[in-house]
N, C-alpha and C. Protein backbone atom coordinates (compact mmCIF):
# COMPACT_ATOMS: atom_id res chain seq x y z
N MET A 1 0.84 -1.12 -0.22
CA MET A 1 -0.50 -0.18 0.14
C MET A 1 1.04 1.19 0.09
N SER A 2 0.30 1.98 -0.67
CA SER A 2 2.00 2.61 -1.12
C SER A 2 1.75 3.93 0.20
N LEU A 3 2.31 4.92 0.64
CA LEU A 3 2.67 5.70 1.30
C LEU A 3 1.69 7.33 0.70
N LYS A 4 0.77 7.64 1.34
CA LYS A 4 0.54 9.15 1.27
C LYS A 4 0.53 10.58 1.52
N LEU A 5 1.30 11.17 0.68
CA LEU A 5 2.49 12.72 1.34
C LEU A 5 1.64 13.88 0.29
N LEU A 6 1.72 14.54 1.61
CA LEU A 6 0.70 16.39 1.21
C LEU A 6 2.36 16.81 1.20
N ILE A 7 2.09 17.47 -0.11
CA ILE A 7 3.42 18.48 -0.71
C ILE A 7 2.90 20.12 0.37
N VAL A 8 3.49 20.76 1.00
CA VAL A 8 3.31 21.96 1.18
C VAL A 8 5.25 23.18 0.72
N ASP A 9 4.84 23.87 -0.12
CA ASP A 9 6.01 25.26 -0.79
C ASP A 9 4.23 26.33 -1.11
N ASP A 10 5.35 26.97 -1.19
CA ASP A 10 5.24 28.46 -2.11
C ASP A 10 4.62 28.98 -3.02
N HIS A 11 5.94 28.20 -3.42
CA HIS A 11 6.26 28.76 -4.95
C HIS A 11 5.79 27.49 -5.36
N GLU A 12 5.84 28.01 -7.00
CA GLU A 12 5.55 26.48 -7.62
C GLU A 12 6.37 26.20 -8.56
N VAL A 13 7.45 26.79 -8.80
CA VAL A 13 8.47 25.74 -9.30
C VAL A 13 8.87 24.95 -8.36
N VAL A 14 9.01 25.22 -6.83
CA VAL A 14 9.84 23.98 -5.85
C VAL A 14 8.16 22.65 -5.60
N ARG A 15 7.43 23.30 -5.70
CA ARG A 15 6.14 22.55 -5.91
C ARG A 15 6.22 21.64 -6.98
N ARG A 16 6.25 21.40 -7.70
CA ARG A 16 6.40 21.14 -9.49
C ARG A 16 7.61 20.26 -9.59
N GLY A 17 9.51 20.90 -8.66
CA GLY A 17 10.17 19.86 -8.51
C GLY A 17 10.13 18.90 -7.68
N VAL A 18 10.28 19.23 -6.88
CA VAL A 18 9.74 17.74 -5.38
C VAL A 18 8.45 16.65 -5.41
N THR A 19 7.74 17.17 -6.18
CA THR A 19 6.92 16.24 -6.84
C THR A 19 7.02 15.06 -8.11
N THR A 20 8.33 15.84 -8.87
CA THR A 20 8.08 15.50 -9.68
C THR A 20 9.80 14.25 -9.49
N LEU A 21 10.89 14.74 -8.23
CA LEU A 21 11.96 14.45 -8.07
C LEU A 21 11.74 12.89 -7.30
N LEU A 22 10.25 13.18 -5.78
CA LEU A 22 9.31 12.97 -5.28
C LEU A 22 8.97 11.33 -5.93
N GLN A 23 8.64 11.41 -6.80
CA GLN A 23 7.77 10.17 -7.55
C GLN A 23 8.83 8.31 -7.99
N SER A 24 8.18 7.93 -6.84
CA SER A 24 8.30 6.17 -6.98
C SER A 24 7.89 6.33 -6.26
N PRO A 25 8.33 4.38 -6.31
CA PRO A 25 6.66 3.08 -5.98
C PRO A 25 7.40 3.14 -4.27
N GLY A 26 5.07 3.09 -4.39
CA GLY A 26 5.05 3.37 -2.92
C GLY A 26 4.92 4.70 -2.46
N LEU A 27 5.35 5.65 -2.94
CA LEU A 27 4.60 6.62 -2.13
C LEU A 27 3.87 6.85 -3.48
N GLU A 28 3.00 8.19 -3.55
CA GLU A 28 1.84 8.72 -3.33
C GLU A 28 1.23 9.80 -3.31
N ILE A 29 2.06 10.54 -4.16
CA ILE A 29 1.64 12.47 -3.92
C ILE A 29 0.28 12.31 -3.97
N VAL A 30 -0.30 13.40 -2.62
CA VAL A 30 -2.22 13.09 -3.28
C VAL A 30 -2.16 14.75 -2.62
N GLY A 31 -1.53 15.08 -2.25
CA GLY A 31 -2.06 16.67 -2.27
C GLY A 31 -0.58 18.25 -2.71
N ILE A 32 -0.93 18.84 -2.70
CA ILE A 32 0.35 19.97 -3.18
C ILE A 32 -0.66 20.84 -2.94
N VAL A 33 -0.40 21.97 -2.34
CA VAL A 33 -1.15 23.23 -1.69
C VAL A 33 0.40 24.23 -1.62
N GLY A 34 -0.64 25.32 -1.29
CA GLY A 34 1.34 26.23 -1.56
C GLY A 34 0.47 26.78 -0.05
N ASP A 35 0.96 27.48 1.11
CA ASP A 35 0.38 28.28 2.28
C ASP A 35 0.35 26.84 3.27
N GLY A 36 0.15 28.01 4.87
CA GLY A 36 0.58 27.08 5.42
C GLY A 36 -1.62 25.85 6.03
N GLN A 37 -1.52 27.23 6.17
CA GLN A 37 -3.14 27.14 6.04
C GLN A 37 -3.97 26.28 5.90
N GLU A 38 -3.83 26.56 3.58
CA GLU A 38 -4.20 25.11 3.51
C GLU A 38 -3.67 23.48 3.21
N ALA A 39 -2.56 23.59 4.52
CA ALA A 39 -1.80 22.73 4.64
C ALA A 39 -2.61 21.74 6.28
N VAL A 40 -3.51 22.81 6.49
CA VAL A 40 -4.41 22.92 7.67
C VAL A 40 -5.23 22.50 7.14
N ASP A 41 -6.11 23.02 6.15
CA ASP A 41 -6.95 22.41 5.89
C ASP A 41 -7.23 20.94 5.61
N TYR A 42 -6.33 21.24 4.55
CA TYR A 42 -5.85 19.70 3.74
C TYR A 42 -6.28 18.65 4.67
N VAL A 43 -5.02 18.29 5.62
CA VAL A 43 -5.40 17.29 6.70
C VAL A 43 -6.50 17.26 7.76
N THR A 44 -6.98 18.72 7.57
CA THR A 44 -8.19 18.31 9.13
C THR A 44 -9.55 17.59 7.61
N THR A 45 -9.39 17.79 7.14
CA THR A 45 -10.53 16.66 5.17
C THR A 45 -10.15 15.34 5.31
N ASN A 46 -8.71 15.34 5.01
CA ASN A 46 -8.18 14.47 3.95
C ASN A 46 -7.43 13.82 4.70
N PRO A 47 -6.77 13.53 5.84
CA PRO A 47 -5.48 13.81 6.44
C PRO A 47 -4.53 12.61 5.50
N PRO A 48 -3.21 12.60 5.22
CA PRO A 48 -2.36 11.85 4.68
C PRO A 48 -2.15 11.55 5.73
N ASP A 49 -0.69 9.81 5.00
CA ASP A 49 0.26 9.23 5.56
C ASP A 49 1.28 10.38 6.35
N ALA A 50 1.57 11.63 5.48
CA ALA A 50 2.30 12.13 6.89
C ALA A 50 2.68 13.84 5.59
N VAL A 51 3.32 14.38 5.67
CA VAL A 51 3.67 15.91 5.56
C VAL A 51 4.81 15.95 5.37
N LEU A 52 5.25 16.69 3.95
CA LEU A 52 6.17 17.39 3.78
C LEU A 52 6.34 19.08 3.46
N MET A 53 6.78 19.94 4.02
CA MET A 53 5.95 21.14 4.58
C MET A 53 7.51 21.67 4.83
N ASP A 54 7.31 23.19 3.83
CA ASP A 54 7.88 23.95 3.31
C ASP A 54 8.05 25.17 4.94
N VAL A 55 9.32 25.59 5.18
CA VAL A 55 9.12 26.13 6.58
C VAL A 55 8.86 28.07 6.03
N ARG A 56 9.24 28.41 5.42
CA ARG A 56 9.03 29.67 4.98
C ARG A 56 7.89 30.38 4.29
N MET A 57 7.08 30.17 4.37
CA MET A 57 5.62 30.64 3.46
C MET A 57 4.71 31.93 3.47
N GLN A 58 4.72 32.07 2.17
CA GLN A 58 3.66 33.40 2.88
C GLN A 58 2.41 32.98 3.15
N GLY A 59 1.73 34.30 4.09
CA GLY A 59 0.49 33.69 4.72
C GLY A 59 1.45 33.01 5.85
N MET A 60 0.32 31.94 5.99
CA MET A 60 0.98 31.05 7.63
C MET A 60 1.78 30.12 7.24
N ASP A 61 3.50 30.35 8.20
CA ASP A 61 4.07 29.72 7.48
C ASP A 61 4.64 28.32 7.87
N GLY A 62 5.20 27.31 7.39
CA GLY A 62 4.89 25.95 8.18
C GLY A 62 4.88 25.50 9.59
N LEU A 63 5.32 26.43 10.62
CA LEU A 63 5.99 27.12 11.71
C LEU A 63 4.48 26.87 11.73
N ALA A 64 4.02 27.99 11.19
CA ALA A 64 2.55 28.19 12.71
C ALA A 64 1.76 27.00 12.33
N ALA A 65 1.83 26.86 11.06
CA ALA A 65 1.02 25.10 10.53
C ALA A 65 0.92 23.96 11.94
N LEU A 66 2.71 23.80 11.78
CA LEU A 66 3.28 22.47 11.93
C LEU A 66 2.27 22.24 13.60
N ASP A 67 1.59 23.97 13.98
CA ASP A 67 1.56 23.63 15.10
C ASP A 67 -0.06 23.93 15.33
N LEU A 68 -0.85 24.25 15.26
CA LEU A 68 -2.34 23.59 14.57
C LEU A 68 -2.38 22.65 13.99
N ILE A 69 -1.50 21.74 13.49
CA ILE A 69 -2.08 20.00 12.21
C ILE A 69 -1.17 19.55 14.16
N ARG A 70 -0.64 20.16 15.16
CA ARG A 70 -0.25 18.89 15.54
C ARG A 70 -1.43 19.00 16.97
N ARG A 71 -2.06 19.67 17.48
CA ARG A 71 -2.62 19.89 18.42
C ARG A 71 -3.94 19.30 17.73
N ASP A 72 -4.75 18.88 16.58
CA ASP A 72 -5.74 18.06 16.21
C ASP A 72 -4.74 16.83 15.80
N PHE A 73 -3.77 16.07 15.21
CA PHE A 73 -3.17 15.47 14.56
C PHE A 73 -2.10 15.08 15.18
N PRO A 74 -1.79 14.44 16.41
CA PRO A 74 -0.45 14.34 16.84
C PRO A 74 0.40 13.75 16.89
N ASP A 75 0.11 13.34 15.98
CA ASP A 75 0.61 11.76 15.54
C ASP A 75 0.74 11.80 14.16
N LEU A 76 0.49 12.57 13.06
CA LEU A 76 0.96 12.97 11.85
C LEU A 76 1.83 12.62 11.86
N PRO A 77 2.51 12.25 11.20
CA PRO A 77 4.07 12.65 10.41
C PRO A 77 4.36 13.92 9.51
N VAL A 78 5.22 15.23 9.54
CA VAL A 78 5.04 15.94 9.71
C VAL A 78 6.95 16.20 9.31
N VAL A 79 7.38 16.36 8.14
CA VAL A 79 9.01 16.39 7.78
C VAL A 79 8.78 18.13 7.38
N MET A 80 9.92 19.00 7.59
CA MET A 80 9.77 20.10 7.58
C MET A 80 10.80 20.77 6.40
N LEU A 81 10.53 20.97 5.43
CA LEU A 81 11.56 21.66 4.61
C LEU A 81 11.65 22.64 4.47
N SER A 82 13.35 23.29 4.24
CA SER A 82 13.97 24.81 3.93
C SER A 82 15.53 24.47 3.53
N THR A 83 14.86 25.55 2.68
CA THR A 83 16.75 25.44 2.18
C THR A 83 17.38 26.04 2.87
N TYR A 84 17.63 26.73 4.84
CA TYR A 84 17.62 27.26 5.43
C TYR A 84 19.02 26.44 6.01
N ASP A 85 19.63 25.98 6.52
CA ASP A 85 20.57 24.85 7.49
C ASP A 85 20.09 26.34 9.05
N ASN A 86 19.05 26.48 9.37
CA ASN A 86 19.04 27.53 10.52
C ASN A 86 18.57 27.20 12.13
N PRO A 87 19.38 27.00 12.35
CA PRO A 87 19.14 26.17 14.07
C PRO A 87 18.13 27.50 14.38
N THR A 88 18.36 28.17 14.67
CA THR A 88 16.65 28.27 15.31
C THR A 88 15.23 27.31 14.49
N TYR A 89 15.39 27.66 12.87
CA TYR A 89 13.85 26.86 12.31
C TYR A 89 14.17 25.85 12.90
N ILE A 90 14.29 25.37 13.01
CA ILE A 90 14.98 24.07 13.18
C ILE A 90 14.15 23.33 14.49
N ALA A 91 14.88 24.49 15.98
CA ALA A 91 15.15 24.52 16.60
C ALA A 91 13.57 24.49 17.47
N ARG A 92 12.54 25.36 16.41
CA ARG A 92 11.34 25.77 16.98
C ARG A 92 10.37 23.86 16.20
N SER A 93 11.06 23.59 14.79
CA SER A 93 10.63 22.58 14.90
C SER A 93 10.40 20.97 15.35
N VAL A 94 11.45 20.95 15.85
CA VAL A 94 12.01 20.22 17.58
C VAL A 94 10.40 20.64 18.64
N ALA A 95 10.15 21.11 18.69
CA ALA A 95 9.57 22.05 19.97
C ALA A 95 8.46 22.28 19.47
N LEU A 96 7.77 22.13 18.27
CA LEU A 96 6.66 21.91 17.85
C LEU A 96 6.55 20.22 17.34
N GLY A 97 7.31 19.38 17.24
CA GLY A 97 7.34 18.37 16.98
C GLY A 97 6.96 18.27 16.02
N ALA A 98 8.00 18.16 15.33
CA ALA A 98 8.04 17.81 13.85
C ALA A 98 9.18 16.54 13.72
N SER A 99 9.04 15.71 13.21
CA SER A 99 9.68 14.12 12.54
C SER A 99 10.92 14.61 12.02
N ASP A 100 11.47 15.40 11.25
CA ASP A 100 12.32 15.44 10.71
C ASP A 100 12.49 16.95 9.97
N TYR A 101 13.25 17.32 9.27
CA TYR A 101 13.88 18.65 8.62
C TYR A 101 15.07 18.55 8.12
N VAL A 102 14.28 18.21 6.92
CA VAL A 102 15.52 18.48 6.07
C VAL A 102 15.70 19.86 4.69
N LEU A 103 16.74 20.07 4.04
CA LEU A 103 16.94 20.40 3.02
C LEU A 103 16.37 20.28 1.26
N LYS A 104 16.34 21.77 1.00
CA LYS A 104 16.21 21.23 -0.61
C LYS A 104 16.94 21.76 -1.14
N GLY A 105 18.18 21.31 -0.50
CA GLY A 105 19.94 20.39 -1.76
C GLY A 105 19.86 18.95 -1.19
N ASP A 106 19.53 18.57 -0.31
CA ASP A 106 19.16 16.92 0.27
C ASP A 106 19.08 17.22 -1.21
N SER A 107 19.94 15.06 -1.71
CA SER A 107 19.16 14.20 -1.84
C SER A 107 18.61 14.01 -1.97
N ARG A 108 17.84 13.29 -3.58
CA ARG A 108 16.22 12.37 -3.33
C ARG A 108 16.56 11.57 -2.69
N GLU A 109 16.74 10.47 -2.61
CA GLU A 109 16.87 9.39 -1.10
C GLU A 109 16.98 9.83 0.11
N HIS A 110 17.93 11.28 -0.14
CA HIS A 110 17.25 11.20 2.02
C HIS A 110 16.94 12.15 2.51
N ILE A 111 15.59 12.55 1.18
CA ILE A 111 14.35 13.00 1.93
C ILE A 111 13.67 11.75 1.37
N LEU A 112 13.86 11.11 0.94
CA LEU A 112 12.57 10.24 0.18
C LEU A 112 12.88 9.59 1.29
N ASP A 113 14.11 8.99 2.20
CA ASP A 113 14.67 8.19 3.68
C ASP A 113 13.41 8.45 4.97
N ALA A 114 13.61 10.18 4.75
CA ALA A 114 13.32 10.89 5.90
C ALA A 114 11.98 11.44 5.97
N ILE A 115 10.66 10.72 4.58
CA ILE A 115 9.96 10.97 4.13
C ILE A 115 9.41 9.63 4.89
N HIS A 116 9.91 8.47 4.85
CA HIS A 116 9.15 7.12 5.42
C HIS A 116 9.20 7.18 6.81
N ARG A 117 11.16 7.34 7.06
CA ARG A 117 11.00 7.10 8.06
C ARG A 117 10.00 8.01 9.24
N ALA A 118 9.75 8.81 8.47
CA ALA A 118 8.35 9.42 9.49
C ALA A 118 7.14 8.68 9.84
N ALA A 119 7.23 7.83 8.21
CA ALA A 119 5.87 7.72 8.30
C ALA A 119 5.72 6.66 9.28
N ASP A 120 6.68 5.58 9.85
CA ASP A 120 6.90 4.70 9.65
C ASP A 120 7.61 4.28 11.25
N ARG A 121 7.05 6.04 11.80
CA ARG A 121 7.93 6.22 13.20
C ARG A 121 8.78 5.91 13.63
N LYS A 122 10.33 6.00 12.65
CA LYS A 122 11.52 5.56 13.42
C LYS A 122 11.83 7.06 13.74
N ALA A 123 13.35 7.07 14.40
CA ALA A 123 13.29 8.19 14.46
C ALA A 123 14.54 8.83 12.95
N PRO A 124 15.00 10.05 12.90
CA PRO A 124 15.99 10.45 12.34
C PRO A 124 16.41 9.86 12.04
N SER A 125 17.15 9.90 10.42
CA SER A 125 18.66 9.09 10.57
C SER A 125 19.93 9.64 10.95
N SER A 126 21.22 9.04 11.43
CA SER A 126 22.45 9.63 12.38
C SER A 126 22.14 10.81 11.66
N ASP A 127 21.98 11.19 10.51
CA ASP A 127 22.92 12.55 9.96
C ASP A 127 22.20 13.17 9.76
N SER A 128 20.59 13.10 10.42
CA SER A 128 19.61 14.45 10.65
C SER A 128 19.84 15.88 10.99
N ILE A 129 20.02 16.04 10.76
CA ILE A 129 20.03 17.60 10.95
C ILE A 129 19.17 18.41 12.36
N LEU A 130 18.43 17.20 12.08
CA LEU A 130 17.81 17.80 13.35
C LEU A 130 18.39 17.33 15.06
N HIS A 131 19.47 15.96 14.70
CA HIS A 131 19.65 15.50 15.68
C HIS A 131 20.87 16.69 16.68
N ARG A 132 21.93 17.45 15.44
CA ARG A 132 22.64 18.06 16.28
C ARG A 132 22.26 19.46 16.95
N ILE A 133 20.28 20.09 17.14
CA ILE A 133 20.17 20.74 17.37
C ILE A 133 19.34 20.01 18.28
N ARG A 134 18.77 19.04 17.61
CA ARG A 134 18.69 18.46 19.44
C ARG A 134 19.79 18.38 19.99
N GLY A 135 20.09 18.10 20.55
CA GLY A 135 21.38 17.84 21.28
C GLY A 135 21.23 19.31 22.39
N ALA A 136 21.37 20.54 22.08
CA ALA A 136 21.55 21.98 21.61
C ALA A 136 20.62 21.67 22.89
N MET A 137 19.82 21.60 22.42
CA MET A 137 18.31 21.83 22.99
C MET A 137 18.14 21.06 24.38
N ASP A 138 18.65 20.21 24.95
CA ASP A 138 18.80 19.39 25.38
C ASP A 138 19.73 19.92 26.30
N GLY A 139 20.96 19.57 25.64
CA GLY A 139 21.95 20.00 26.20
C GLY A 139 22.61 19.07 27.82
N GLU A 140 21.41 17.39 27.59
CA GLU A 140 22.19 17.10 28.41
C GLU A 140 22.26 17.35 29.79
N ALA A 141 21.81 17.57 30.53
CA ALA A 141 21.81 18.42 31.76
C ALA A 141 22.12 18.07 33.17
N VAL A 142 23.07 17.31 32.54
CA VAL A 142 23.65 16.89 33.89
C VAL A 142 24.81 17.50 34.36
N HIS A 143 24.45 18.76 33.45
CA HIS A 143 25.49 20.27 33.91
C HIS A 143 24.71 21.42 34.29
N ASN A 144 25.11 21.52 35.69
CA ASN A 144 24.45 23.15 35.38
C ASN A 144 24.81 24.37 35.22
N GLY A 145 25.16 25.21 35.52
CA GLY A 145 25.56 26.83 34.83
C GLY A 145 27.41 26.64 35.22
N GLU A 146 28.02 26.02 36.02
CA GLU A 146 29.09 26.62 36.74
C GLU A 146 29.40 26.12 35.73
N GLU A 147 29.31 24.70 34.52
CA GLU A 147 30.35 24.80 33.67
C GLU A 147 30.60 25.54 32.51
N PHE A 148 29.84 26.69 32.14
CA PHE A 148 29.89 27.48 31.99
C PHE A 148 29.92 29.23 32.58
N ASP A 149 30.24 29.39 33.44
CA ASP A 149 30.52 30.06 34.21
C ASP A 149 29.89 30.89 34.27
N LEU A 150 28.40 29.78 35.04
CA LEU A 150 26.82 31.09 34.65
C LEU A 150 26.58 30.50 35.72
N PRO A 151 25.67 31.63 36.51
CA PRO A 151 24.76 30.95 38.56
C PRO A 151 23.67 30.36 38.19
N LEU A 152 23.16 30.44 36.84
CA LEU A 152 21.81 28.63 36.58
C LEU A 152 21.66 27.77 37.33
N THR A 153 21.04 27.17 37.39
CA THR A 153 20.45 25.89 37.85
C THR A 153 20.86 24.51 36.15
N VAL A 154 19.96 23.80 36.64
CA VAL A 154 20.17 22.32 35.33
C VAL A 154 19.07 23.33 34.27
N ARG A 155 18.08 23.10 35.16
CA ARG A 155 16.97 23.97 34.69
C ARG A 155 17.07 25.11 33.77
N GLU A 156 17.11 26.45 34.61
CA GLU A 156 17.08 26.95 33.62
C GLU A 156 18.58 27.48 32.61
N LEU A 157 19.81 26.92 32.99
CA LEU A 157 20.35 26.34 31.63
C LEU A 157 19.97 25.55 29.83
N GLN A 158 18.53 24.54 30.76
CA GLN A 158 18.38 24.00 29.70
C GLN A 158 16.85 25.43 28.61
N VAL A 159 17.29 26.63 29.65
CA VAL A 159 15.97 27.87 29.30
C VAL A 159 16.60 28.04 28.13
N LEU A 160 17.52 28.70 29.20
CA LEU A 160 18.69 29.92 28.60
C LEU A 160 18.83 28.81 26.64
N ARG A 161 19.04 27.29 27.01
CA ARG A 161 19.31 27.08 26.20
C ARG A 161 18.51 27.65 24.53
N HIS A 162 17.22 26.98 25.20
CA HIS A 162 16.38 27.37 23.81
C HIS A 162 16.57 29.02 23.56
N ILE A 163 16.54 29.66 24.41
CA ILE A 163 16.20 30.90 24.48
C ILE A 163 17.16 31.77 23.29
N ALA A 164 18.43 30.81 23.98
CA ALA A 164 19.58 31.45 22.66
C ALA A 164 18.80 31.13 21.19
N LEU A 165 19.00 29.99 20.61
CA LEU A 165 17.96 29.40 20.10
C LEU A 165 16.42 30.25 19.54
N GLY A 166 16.72 31.34 19.83
CA GLY A 166 15.80 31.73 19.93
C GLY A 166 13.27 31.41 20.10
N LEU A 167 13.52 30.16 20.40
CA LEU A 167 12.61 29.61 21.13
C LEU A 167 11.30 31.04 21.69
N SER A 168 9.89 30.88 21.72
CA SER A 168 9.39 31.81 22.37
C SER A 168 9.32 30.62 24.27
N ASN A 169 7.95 31.75 24.73
CA ASN A 169 7.89 30.47 25.70
C ASN A 169 7.10 29.61 25.51
N LYS A 170 5.92 29.90 24.70
CA LYS A 170 5.66 28.63 24.07
C LYS A 170 5.83 27.22 23.52
N GLU A 171 6.38 27.59 23.11
CA GLU A 171 7.75 26.92 22.49
C GLU A 171 8.34 26.11 23.45
N ILE A 172 8.99 26.87 24.09
CA ILE A 172 10.08 26.42 25.24
C ILE A 172 9.09 25.18 26.18
N ALA A 173 8.45 25.85 26.54
CA ALA A 173 7.07 24.88 27.93
C ALA A 173 6.64 23.68 27.25
N ARG A 174 6.15 23.52 25.11
CA ARG A 174 6.09 22.55 24.45
C ARG A 174 7.75 21.09 24.48
N SER A 175 8.36 22.30 24.45
CA SER A 175 9.74 21.31 24.68
C SER A 175 9.83 20.37 25.46
N LEU A 176 10.02 20.97 26.99
CA LEU A 176 10.59 21.18 28.19
C LEU A 176 9.64 20.73 28.66
N SER A 177 7.69 20.20 27.73
CA SER A 177 7.05 19.45 29.21
C SER A 177 5.94 20.18 29.67
N ILE A 178 6.95 21.31 29.94
CA ILE A 178 6.76 22.37 31.45
C ILE A 178 5.38 23.33 31.31
N SER A 179 4.71 24.49 32.12
CA SER A 179 4.16 25.21 31.92
C SER A 179 4.32 26.53 30.96
N VAL A 180 3.60 27.32 30.16
CA VAL A 180 4.30 29.21 30.12
C VAL A 180 4.46 29.80 31.18
N GLU A 181 3.76 29.50 32.48
CA GLU A 181 3.34 30.31 33.64
C GLU A 181 6.07 29.98 34.07
N THR A 182 5.71 28.59 34.39
CA THR A 182 6.81 28.12 34.50
C THR A 182 7.87 28.58 33.68
N VAL A 183 7.86 28.88 32.32
CA VAL A 183 8.89 28.95 31.83
C VAL A 183 9.60 30.68 32.21
N LYS A 184 8.28 31.14 31.75
CA LYS A 184 8.14 32.72 32.64
C LYS A 184 8.47 33.38 33.72
N GLU A 185 8.85 31.75 35.28
CA GLU A 185 9.36 32.18 35.66
C GLU A 185 10.34 32.08 35.24
N HIS A 186 11.30 31.10 35.19
CA HIS A 186 12.47 30.39 34.56
C HIS A 186 13.06 31.66 34.18
N VAL A 187 13.16 32.50 32.60
CA VAL A 187 13.19 33.01 32.15
C VAL A 187 13.54 34.56 33.06
N GLN A 188 12.64 35.02 33.42
CA GLN A 188 13.00 35.82 34.51
C GLN A 188 13.88 35.90 35.67
N ASN A 189 14.31 34.36 36.18
CA ASN A 189 15.50 33.72 36.91
C ASN A 189 16.80 34.21 36.41
N ILE A 190 16.81 33.97 35.18
CA ILE A 190 17.72 33.95 34.26
C ILE A 190 17.97 35.37 34.05
N LEU A 191 17.50 36.20 33.51
CA LEU A 191 18.10 37.24 33.25
C LEU A 191 18.09 38.61 35.11
N ARG A 192 17.63 37.22 35.90
CA ARG A 192 18.08 38.39 36.96
C ARG A 192 19.40 38.04 37.15
N LYS A 193 19.94 36.47 36.88
CA LYS A 193 21.10 36.34 37.53
C LYS A 193 22.47 36.69 36.30
N LEU A 194 22.04 36.44 35.21
CA LEU A 194 22.97 37.17 34.17
C LEU A 194 22.90 39.00 34.62
N ASN A 195 22.06 39.33 35.31
CA ASN A 195 21.79 40.90 35.29
C ASN A 195 22.31 41.05 33.35
N ALA A 196 20.66 41.09 32.82
CA ALA A 196 20.58 40.91 31.57
C ALA A 196 20.19 41.87 31.00
N ALA A 197 19.24 42.62 29.90
CA ALA A 197 18.31 43.49 29.48
C ALA A 197 17.09 43.41 29.53
N ASP A 198 17.52 42.08 28.95
CA ASP A 198 16.46 41.53 27.73
C ASP A 198 17.05 39.69 27.06
N ARG A 199 16.02 38.85 26.91
CA ARG A 199 16.01 38.01 26.27
C ARG A 199 17.56 37.77 25.63
N THR A 200 17.20 38.37 24.31
CA THR A 200 18.53 39.29 23.19
C THR A 200 19.89 38.84 24.65
N ASP A 201 19.82 39.40 24.76
CA ASP A 201 21.44 40.06 25.96
C ASP A 201 21.37 39.01 26.63
N ALA A 202 20.66 37.95 26.94
CA ALA A 202 20.88 36.47 27.29
C ALA A 202 20.91 35.52 26.60
N ALA A 203 20.86 35.71 25.67
CA ALA A 203 20.60 34.39 24.85
C ALA A 203 22.21 34.95 23.32
N VAL A 204 22.47 36.63 23.36
CA VAL A 204 23.84 36.77 22.67
C VAL A 204 25.22 36.61 24.07
N ARG A 205 25.06 36.34 25.26
CA ARG A 205 26.10 35.53 26.24
C ARG A 205 26.33 34.22 25.91
N ALA A 206 24.54 33.41 26.24
CA ALA A 206 25.11 32.08 26.37
C ALA A 206 25.84 32.24 24.24
N VAL A 207 25.82 31.86 23.60
CA VAL A 207 25.95 32.76 22.42
C VAL A 207 28.05 32.60 22.94
N LYS A 208 27.86 33.42 23.29
CA LYS A 208 29.77 34.61 23.54
C LYS A 208 30.37 33.10 24.46
N LEU A 209 29.64 32.44 25.67
CA LEU A 209 29.68 31.15 26.45
C LEU A 209 29.81 30.19 26.51
N GLY A 210 29.77 29.17 24.79
CA GLY A 210 29.17 28.31 24.16
C GLY A 210 28.31 27.84 24.28
N VAL A 211 26.99 28.26 25.55
CA VAL A 211 26.44 26.96 26.43
C VAL A 211 25.22 26.48 25.22
N VAL A 212 25.78 27.20 23.77
CA VAL A 212 24.59 26.39 22.50
C VAL A 212 25.59 26.58 21.48
């Protein structure tokens, strides 16, 4: 039985190119839409087996669409597609529940493998860029802030990593499975302990110290 795939991208040339590129036995492209809202509408009325969705699009972007899709279809595999190997995009994709993140410059085999792995509920391949950013987000919280000369607890250090990667409080909460209110408390503690003017100031310090 063929895997039913929905492709989402706001550029017609890219949609046509990806559709042609991915033609293969065992995969049926059942839908091709041009923005995030169309993707949400399509999934709601006719759920596919997997979605391949661009990150940056006019109108509703891929990350906003991923957030909405995850609310009603938490188990639907969504592979994010982008031109950009951007840590913030990747980190936000991780926090919002993307199955994988591939680049438009990746090989046909790599993209197909990512889609099939996602549909089979398997972890991304060992060379997926998702692993690199997920590792930075997790920070393997066996260390506290002393390692980086920071007066932070283990959890505060995790939150700081997420801030440095550009995540919102809501995305941090989803990533760490804590409440938004708890995230806000951690952010305030971080700013106070670092004597940072704002989140951007704290993020810059985190990057300079090698926290991410």
